[in-house]
């Protein structure tokens, strides 16, 4: 079955960096569109970034220029490099297999906590 496992979260000071990774299994990873999302208590989960099978990327406005999404098809991994972190980036970050051809269902990882202290 499809499994997505995030890692790399933690506590960092404002201005610092973290790199999140999501290891995928049970899918033909090179064909997927993958997304990173985040959620804080009491708020809806929001899109952070996506990357298509062809490597095209899309970012939410507040992270443009600070975050970079990338993929390694040989390792079945999608990463999110987060630089110049701000306290408002504090959230649980989730990896998602987007429901786009050839995959009609979405799948989520379990999430990883990112905490940015001021």
C-alpha atoms as a PDB file:
ATOM      1  CA  UNK A   1       0.000   0.000   0.000  1.00  0.00           C
ATOM      2  CA  UNK A   2       0.967   3.639  -0.314  1.00  0.00           C
ATOM      3  CA  UNK A   3       3.082   4.966   2.535  1.00  0.00           C
ATOM      4  CA  UNK A   4       4.462   8.456   3.018  1.00  0.00           C
ATOM      5  CA  UNK A   5       6.833   9.029   5.920  1.00  0.00           C
ATOM      6  CA  UNK A   6       8.027  12.518   6.811  1.00  0.00           C
ATOM      7  CA  UNK A   7      11.160  13.339   8.771  1.00  0.00           C
ATOM      8  CA  UNK A   8      13.348  16.288   9.587  1.00  0.00           C
ATOM      9  CA  UNK A   9      11.107  18.423  11.741  1.00  0.00           C
ATOM     10  CA  UNK A  10      12.279  20.021  14.958  1.00  0.00           C
ATOM     11  CA  UNK A  11      12.899  23.202  16.875  1.00  0.00           C
ATOM     12  CA  UNK A  12      14.856  26.016  15.257  1.00  0.00           C
ATOM     13  CA  UNK A  13      15.417  29.687  15.975  1.00  0.00           C
ATOM     14  CA  UNK A  14      13.983  32.350  13.727  1.00  0.00           C
ATOM     15  CA  UNK A  15      16.227  32.876  10.727  1.00  0.00           C
ATOM     16  CA  UNK A  16      17.388  29.285  10.792  1.00  0.00           C
ATOM     17  CA  UNK A  17      16.885  26.421   8.359  1.00  0.00           C
ATOM     18  CA  UNK A  18      15.390  22.959   8.322  1.00  0.00           C
ATOM     19  CA  UNK A  19      15.070  20.332   5.629  1.00  0.00           C
ATOM     20  CA  UNK A  20      12.071  18.044   5.618  1.00  0.00           C
ATOM     21  CA  UNK A  21      12.043  14.758   3.764  1.00  0.00           C
ATOM     22  CA  UNK A  22       9.200  12.486   2.714  1.00  0.00           C
ATOM     23  CA  UNK A  23       9.962   8.918   1.752  1.00  0.00           C
ATOM     24  CA  UNK A  24       7.345   7.284  -0.440  1.00  0.00           C
ATOM     25  CA  UNK A  25       6.630   3.628  -1.067  1.00  0.00           C
ATOM     26  CA  UNK A  26       3.935   1.615  -2.814  1.00  0.00           C
ATOM     27  CA  UNK A  27       3.758   3.958  -5.801  1.00  0.00           C
ATOM     28  CA  UNK A  28       5.599   4.652  -9.033  1.00  0.00           C
ATOM     29  CA  UNK A  29       7.112   7.765  -7.545  1.00  0.00           C
ATOM     30  CA  UNK A  30       8.450   9.297 -10.772  1.00  0.00           C
ATOM     31  CA  UNK A  31       4.863   9.609 -12.069  1.00  0.00           C
ATOM     32  CA  UNK A  32       3.526  11.514  -9.069  1.00  0.00           C
ATOM     33  CA  UNK A  33       2.746  15.088  -8.191  1.00  0.00           C
ATOM     34  CA  UNK A  34       3.727  15.631  -4.570  1.00  0.00           C
ATOM     35  CA  UNK A  35       2.762  18.368  -2.166  1.00  0.00           C
ATOM     36  CA  UNK A  36       3.811  19.797   1.171  1.00  0.00           C
ATOM     37  CA  UNK A  37       1.119  21.224   3.427  1.00  0.00           C
ATOM     38  CA  UNK A  38       1.066  22.632   6.930  1.00  0.00           C
ATOM     39  CA  UNK A  39      -1.462  23.009   9.679  1.00  0.00           C
ATOM     40  CA  UNK A  40      -1.660  24.904  12.954  1.00  0.00           C
ATOM     41  CA  UNK A  41      -4.236  24.278  15.696  1.00  0.00           C
ATOM     42  CA  UNK A  42      -7.649  25.662  14.824  1.00  0.00           C
ATOM     43  CA  UNK A  43      -6.757  26.370  11.214  1.00  0.00           C
ATOM     44  CA  UNK A  44      -7.277  24.523   7.968  1.00  0.00           C
ATOM     45  CA  UNK A  45      -4.418  22.651   6.408  1.00  0.00           C
ATOM     46  CA  UNK A  46      -2.795  24.896   3.805  1.00  0.00           C
ATOM     47  CA  UNK A  47      -0.712  24.254   0.741  1.00  0.00           C
ATOM     48  CA  UNK A  48       2.972  25.125   1.048  1.00  0.00           C
ATOM     49  CA  UNK A  49       4.459  23.797  -2.196  1.00  0.00           C
ATOM     50  CA  UNK A  50       3.952  21.242  -4.936  1.00  0.00           C
ATOM     51  CA  UNK A  51       6.217  19.562  -7.442  1.00  0.00           C
ATOM     52  CA  UNK A  52       5.038  17.721 -10.528  1.00  0.00           C
ATOM     53  CA  UNK A  53       6.494  14.611 -12.106  1.00  0.00           C
ATOM     54  CA  UNK A  54       8.273  16.894 -14.543  1.00  0.00           C
ATOM     55  CA  UNK A  55       9.782  18.992 -11.779  1.00  0.00           C
ATOM     56  CA  UNK A  56       7.541  22.047 -12.074  1.00  0.00           C
ATOM     57  CA  UNK A  57       7.056  23.737  -8.734  1.00  0.00           C
ATOM     58  CA  UNK A  58       4.464  25.964  -7.127  1.00  0.00           C
ATOM     59  CA  UNK A  59       4.694  27.835  -3.819  1.00  0.00           C
ATOM     60  CA  UNK A  60       2.349  29.563  -1.420  1.00  0.00           C
ATOM     61  CA  UNK A  61       3.058  33.267  -1.403  1.00  0.00           C
ATOM     62  CA  UNK A  62       4.542  33.628   2.065  1.00  0.00           C
ATOM     63  CA  UNK A  63       7.205  30.957   1.482  1.00  0.00           C
ATOM     64  CA  UNK A  64       8.341  32.011  -1.990  1.00  0.00           C
ATOM     65  CA  UNK A  65      12.041  32.723  -2.002  1.00  0.00           C
ATOM     66  CA  UNK A  66      12.536  30.998   1.354  1.00  0.00           C
ATOM     67  CA  UNK A  67      11.397  27.406   0.745  1.00  0.00           C
ATOM     68  CA  UNK A  68      12.470  25.041  -2.021  1.00  0.00           C
ATOM     69  CA  UNK A  69      10.738  21.796  -2.916  1.00  0.00           C
ATOM     70  CA  UNK A  70      12.717  19.113  -4.717  1.00  0.00           C
ATOM     71  CA  UNK A  71      12.461  15.450  -5.567  1.00  0.00           C
ATOM     72  CA  UNK A  72      14.819  12.523  -6.018  1.00  0.00           C
ATOM     73  CA  UNK A  73      13.073   9.879  -8.085  1.00  0.00           C
ATOM     74  CA  UNK A  74      15.902   7.402  -7.555  1.00  0.00           C
ATOM     75  CA  UNK A  75      15.290   7.571  -3.809  1.00  0.00           C
ATOM     76  CA  UNK A  76      11.499   7.989  -3.945  1.00  0.00           C
ATOM     77  CA  UNK A  77      11.875  11.116  -1.866  1.00  0.00           C
ATOM     78  CA  UNK A  78      10.503  14.632  -1.911  1.00  0.00           C
ATOM     79  CA  UNK A  79      12.153  17.310   0.208  1.00  0.00           C
ATOM     80  CA  UNK A  80      11.329  20.762   1.469  1.00  0.00           C
ATOM     81  CA  UNK A  81      14.287  23.009   2.217  1.00  0.00           C
ATOM     82  CA  UNK A  82      13.131  25.790   4.527  1.00  0.00           C
ATOM     83  CA  UNK A  83      15.374  28.825   4.999  1.00  0.00           C
ATOM     84  CA  UNK A  84      14.913  32.115   6.824  1.00  0.00           C
ATOM     85  CA  UNK A  85      12.320  30.510   9.029  1.00  0.00           C
ATOM     86  CA  UNK A  86       9.850  32.689  10.891  1.00  0.00           C
ATOM     87  CA  UNK A  87       7.759  31.966  13.982  1.00  0.00           C
ATOM     88  CA  UNK A  88       4.671  31.979  11.764  1.00  0.00           C
ATOM     89  CA  UNK A  89       6.096  28.954   9.918  1.00  0.00           C
ATOM     90  CA  UNK A  90       5.491  26.909  13.068  1.00  0.00           C
ATOM     91  CA  UNK A  91       3.117  24.085  12.148  1.00  0.00           C
ATOM     92  CA  UNK A  92       2.790  20.390  11.535  1.00  0.00           C
ATOM     93  CA  UNK A  93       4.039  19.758   7.998  1.00  0.00           C
ATOM     94  CA  UNK A  94       2.499  17.016   5.895  1.00  0.00           C
ATOM     95  CA  UNK A  95       3.560  15.320   2.700  1.00  0.00           C
ATOM     96  CA  UNK A  96       0.811  14.470   0.224  1.00  0.00           C
ATOM     97  CA  UNK A  97       0.468  12.403  -2.916  1.00  0.00           C
ATOM     98  CA  UNK A  98      -1.737  14.628  -5.052  1.00  0.00           C
ATOM     99  CA  UNK A  99      -4.768  13.034  -6.768  1.00  0.00           C
ATOM    100  CA  UNK A 100      -3.517  13.647 -10.297  1.00  0.00           C
ATOM    101  CA  UNK A 101      -3.078  11.237 -13.195  1.00  0.00           C
ATOM    102  CA  UNK A 102      -2.202   8.410 -12.938  1.00  0.00           C
ATOM    103  CA  UNK A 103      -3.230   8.472  -9.260  1.00  0.00           C
ATOM    104  CA  UNK A 104      -6.876   9.246  -8.535  1.00  0.00           C
ATOM    105  CA  UNK A 105      -6.642   9.172  -4.729  1.00  0.00           C
ATOM    106  CA  UNK A 106      -4.788  11.359  -2.323  1.00  0.00           C
ATOM    107  CA  UNK A 107      -2.565  10.016   0.408  1.00  0.00           C
ATOM    108  CA  UNK A 108      -1.061  11.812   3.385  1.00  0.00           C
ATOM    109  CA  UNK A 109       1.900  11.244   5.602  1.00  0.00           C
ATOM    110  CA  UNK A 110       1.637  11.381   9.379  1.00  0.00           C
ATOM    111  CA  UNK A 111       3.163  14.841   9.654  1.00  0.00           C
ATOM    112  CA  UNK A 112       6.242  16.287  11.295  1.00  0.00           C
ATOM    113  CA  UNK A 113       6.310  19.182  13.756  1.00  0.00           C
ATOM    114  CA  UNK A 114       8.276  22.317  12.919  1.00  0.00           C
ATOM    115  CA  UNK A 115       8.638  24.885  15.683  1.00  0.00           C
ATOM    116  CA  UNK A 116      10.346  28.219  15.072  1.00  0.00           C
ATOM    117  CA  UNK A 117      11.211  30.210  18.175  1.00  0.00           C
ATOM    118  CA  UNK A 118      11.512  33.976  18.155  1.00  0.00           C
END
